[in-house]
Amino acid sequence: MPMRRLRDYLDSNHVRYSGISHSPAYTAQEIAAAAHVSGKAMAKAVMVSIGGKMAMAVIPAPRHLDLELLRALIGNDEVELAEEKAFSGMFPECEIGAMPPFGNLYGMEVYADDELDEAEEITFNAGSHNEILRLSWADYKKLVNPLMARLSLKL
């Protein structure tokens, strides 16, 4: 079952979504394969520290976050990948590494790769390593209002 905070947020905003259960998987590419979802439509949340403050970058599963692109976008050289121990307590309803790409629900900035604009729908972790949610990209953008830019490179 998707985490309650996310489900309540989507329901209160009258957003249509569907859930998909799958066998346990831990990387975005494994999850996409287990759930029979295109990797390009699978959005993964990557936690970054910007000057010591947590933020979230959302990129397509088959891509790799380019920290230099993010640094240039926000004009801050103090951008680095966050260690799990730095953010694990921020998502109490979620298994480590399975947080959904809704950093706005946790008071953090969200940056999204503009390649996701090519998708009609996105699929993402729903707080566990065996369930994902799917919703329209337009609804996601409306709810999260991420700063959009090229943020990633092909793996």
Protein backbone atom coordinates (compact mmCIF):
# COMPACT_ATOMS: atom_id res chain seq x y z
CA MET A 1 0.00 0.00 0.00
CA PRO A 2 1.39 3.44 -0.88
CA MET A 3 2.48 5.53 2.03
CA ARG A 4 -0.43 7.32 3.67
CA ARG A 5 0.97 10.86 3.36
CA LEU A 6 1.37 10.51 -0.41
CA ARG A 7 -1.97 8.76 -0.90
CA ASP A 8 -3.79 11.44 1.12
CA TYR A 9 -2.03 14.19 -0.83
CA LEU A 10 -2.98 12.69 -4.18
CA ASP A 11 -6.56 11.99 -3.08
CA SER A 12 -7.08 15.48 -1.63
CA ASN A 13 -5.92 16.95 -4.96
CA HIS A 14 -8.24 14.62 -6.92
CA VAL A 15 -5.34 13.02 -8.80
CA ARG A 16 -5.93 9.69 -10.50
CA TYR A 17 -3.20 7.13 -9.87
CA SER A 18 -2.74 3.40 -9.89
CA GLY A 19 -0.58 1.14 -7.79
CA ILE A 20 1.46 -1.81 -8.98
CA SER A 21 2.85 -4.49 -6.69
CA HIS A 22 5.97 -6.32 -7.78
CA SER A 23 8.56 -8.66 -6.37
CA PRO A 24 11.15 -6.88 -4.21
CA ALA A 25 13.58 -4.81 -6.28
CA TYR A 26 16.04 -2.16 -5.23
CA THR A 27 17.31 -0.23 -8.23
CA ALA A 28 15.07 1.84 -10.48
CA GLN A 29 15.98 -0.30 -13.48
CA GLU A 30 15.19 -3.54 -11.56
CA ILE A 31 11.86 -2.07 -10.45
CA ALA A 32 10.97 -1.05 -14.00
CA ALA A 33 11.75 -4.56 -15.24
CA ALA A 34 9.86 -6.27 -12.38
CA ALA A 35 6.78 -4.12 -12.99
CA HIS A 36 7.06 -4.22 -16.80
CA VAL A 37 7.42 -0.44 -17.03
CA SER A 38 9.60 1.46 -19.50
CA GLY A 39 12.77 2.75 -17.84
CA LYS A 40 12.15 6.19 -19.38
CA ALA A 41 8.78 6.37 -17.59
CA MET A 42 10.26 5.21 -14.29
CA ALA A 43 11.26 8.27 -12.25
CA LYS A 44 13.85 7.86 -9.53
CA ALA A 45 14.46 10.24 -6.67
CA VAL A 46 18.09 11.06 -5.97
CA MET A 47 18.85 12.85 -2.73
CA VAL A 48 21.38 15.65 -2.81
CA SER A 49 22.81 18.01 -0.25
CA ILE A 50 22.97 21.65 -1.31
CA GLY A 51 25.08 23.59 1.13
CA GLY A 52 24.07 21.11 3.83
CA LYS A 53 20.33 21.28 3.04
CA MET A 54 18.55 18.24 1.58
CA ALA A 55 16.95 18.47 -1.85
CA MET A 56 15.63 15.95 -4.34
CA ALA A 57 16.52 15.44 -7.98
CA VAL A 58 14.10 13.39 -10.08
CA ILE A 59 15.48 11.71 -13.16
CA PRO A 60 14.52 8.85 -15.52
CA ALA A 61 15.64 5.42 -14.28
CA PRO A 62 18.17 4.71 -17.02
CA ARG A 63 20.01 7.97 -16.44
CA HIS A 64 22.63 9.22 -13.99
CA LEU A 65 22.42 12.52 -12.12
CA ASP A 66 25.06 14.97 -13.34
CA LEU A 67 26.05 17.03 -10.32
CA GLU A 68 27.80 19.61 -12.51
CA LEU A 69 24.56 20.32 -14.39
CA LEU A 70 22.71 20.73 -11.07
CA ARG A 71 25.44 22.99 -9.69
CA ALA A 72 25.26 25.19 -12.80
CA LEU A 73 21.45 25.30 -12.66
CA ILE A 74 21.27 26.55 -9.09
CA GLY A 75 24.52 28.50 -9.06
CA ASN A 76 25.93 26.69 -6.04
CA ASP A 77 29.13 24.66 -5.96
CA GLU A 78 28.15 22.97 -2.68
CA VAL A 79 26.08 20.20 -4.29
CA GLU A 80 26.85 16.57 -3.54
CA LEU A 81 25.05 13.25 -3.39
CA ALA A 82 23.56 12.76 0.05
CA GLU A 83 24.48 9.73 2.11
CA GLU A 84 21.57 7.56 3.26
CA LYS A 85 22.26 8.27 6.91
CA ALA A 86 21.79 11.99 6.22
CA PHE A 87 18.20 11.61 4.96
CA SER A 88 16.92 8.26 6.26
CA GLY A 89 14.97 9.90 9.10
CA MET A 90 13.30 12.40 6.78
CA PHE A 91 11.00 9.76 5.26
CA PRO A 92 9.64 7.84 8.26
CA GLU A 93 6.94 6.02 6.26
CA CYS A 94 9.41 4.80 3.65
CA GLU A 95 11.92 2.04 3.33
CA ILE A 96 15.43 3.43 2.75
CA GLY A 97 15.87 4.22 -0.93
CA ALA A 98 12.17 3.82 -1.76
CA MET A 99 10.98 7.37 -1.19
CA PRO A 100 8.62 8.82 -3.80
CA PRO A 101 9.69 11.87 -5.82
CA PHE A 102 7.54 14.24 -3.74
CA GLY A 103 10.19 16.15 -1.81
CA ASN A 104 7.71 19.01 -1.51
CA LEU A 105 5.80 16.91 1.05
CA TYR A 106 8.92 17.05 3.20
CA GLY A 107 9.75 20.73 2.78
CA MET A 108 12.53 20.32 0.26
CA GLU A 109 13.28 21.70 -3.17
CA VAL A 110 12.66 19.35 -6.09
CA TYR A 111 14.56 19.47 -9.37
CA ALA A 112 13.41 17.31 -12.29
CA ASP A 113 15.14 16.31 -15.49
CA ASP A 114 13.46 17.80 -18.54
CA GLU A 115 13.57 14.42 -20.30
CA LEU A 116 10.61 13.47 -18.09
CA ASP A 117 8.53 16.03 -20.02
CA GLU A 118 8.48 13.48 -22.84
CA ALA A 119 6.44 11.02 -20.74
CA GLU A 120 2.66 11.11 -20.49
CA GLU A 121 2.84 9.17 -17.24
CA ILE A 122 5.51 8.45 -14.68
CA THR A 123 5.95 5.52 -12.35
CA PHE A 124 7.88 5.74 -9.10
CA ASN A 125 8.54 4.11 -5.75
CA ALA A 126 5.63 4.37 -3.35
CA GLY A 127 7.61 4.05 -0.13
CA SER A 128 8.53 0.36 -0.34
CA HIS A 129 10.70 -1.89 -2.47
CA ASN A 130 7.71 -3.83 -3.77
CA GLU A 131 5.15 -1.20 -4.78
CA ILE A 132 5.10 1.63 -7.26
CA LEU A 133 2.57 4.24 -8.29
CA ARG A 134 1.74 5.57 -11.72
CA LEU A 135 0.20 8.95 -12.46
CA SER A 136 0.18 11.51 -15.22
CA TRP A 137 3.29 13.63 -15.63
CA ALA A 138 1.07 16.72 -15.90
CA ASP A 139 -0.46 16.00 -12.48
CA TYR A 140 2.97 15.40 -10.96
CA LYS A 141 4.30 18.70 -12.28
CA LYS A 142 1.23 20.56 -11.05
CA LEU A 143 1.52 19.11 -7.53
CA VAL A 144 5.29 19.25 -7.08
CA ASN A 145 6.23 22.22 -9.27
CA PRO A 146 9.82 21.04 -9.72
CA LEU A 147 12.48 23.23 -11.25
CA MET A 148 12.95 21.66 -14.69
CA ALA A 149 16.29 21.41 -16.49
CA ARG A 150 18.66 18.91 -18.06
CA LEU A 151 20.10 17.15 -15.00
CA SER A 152 21.24 13.76 -16.15
CA LEU A 153 23.38 11.75 -18.51
CA LYS A 154 22.82 8.33 -20.04
CA LEU A 155 24.33 5.50 -18.05
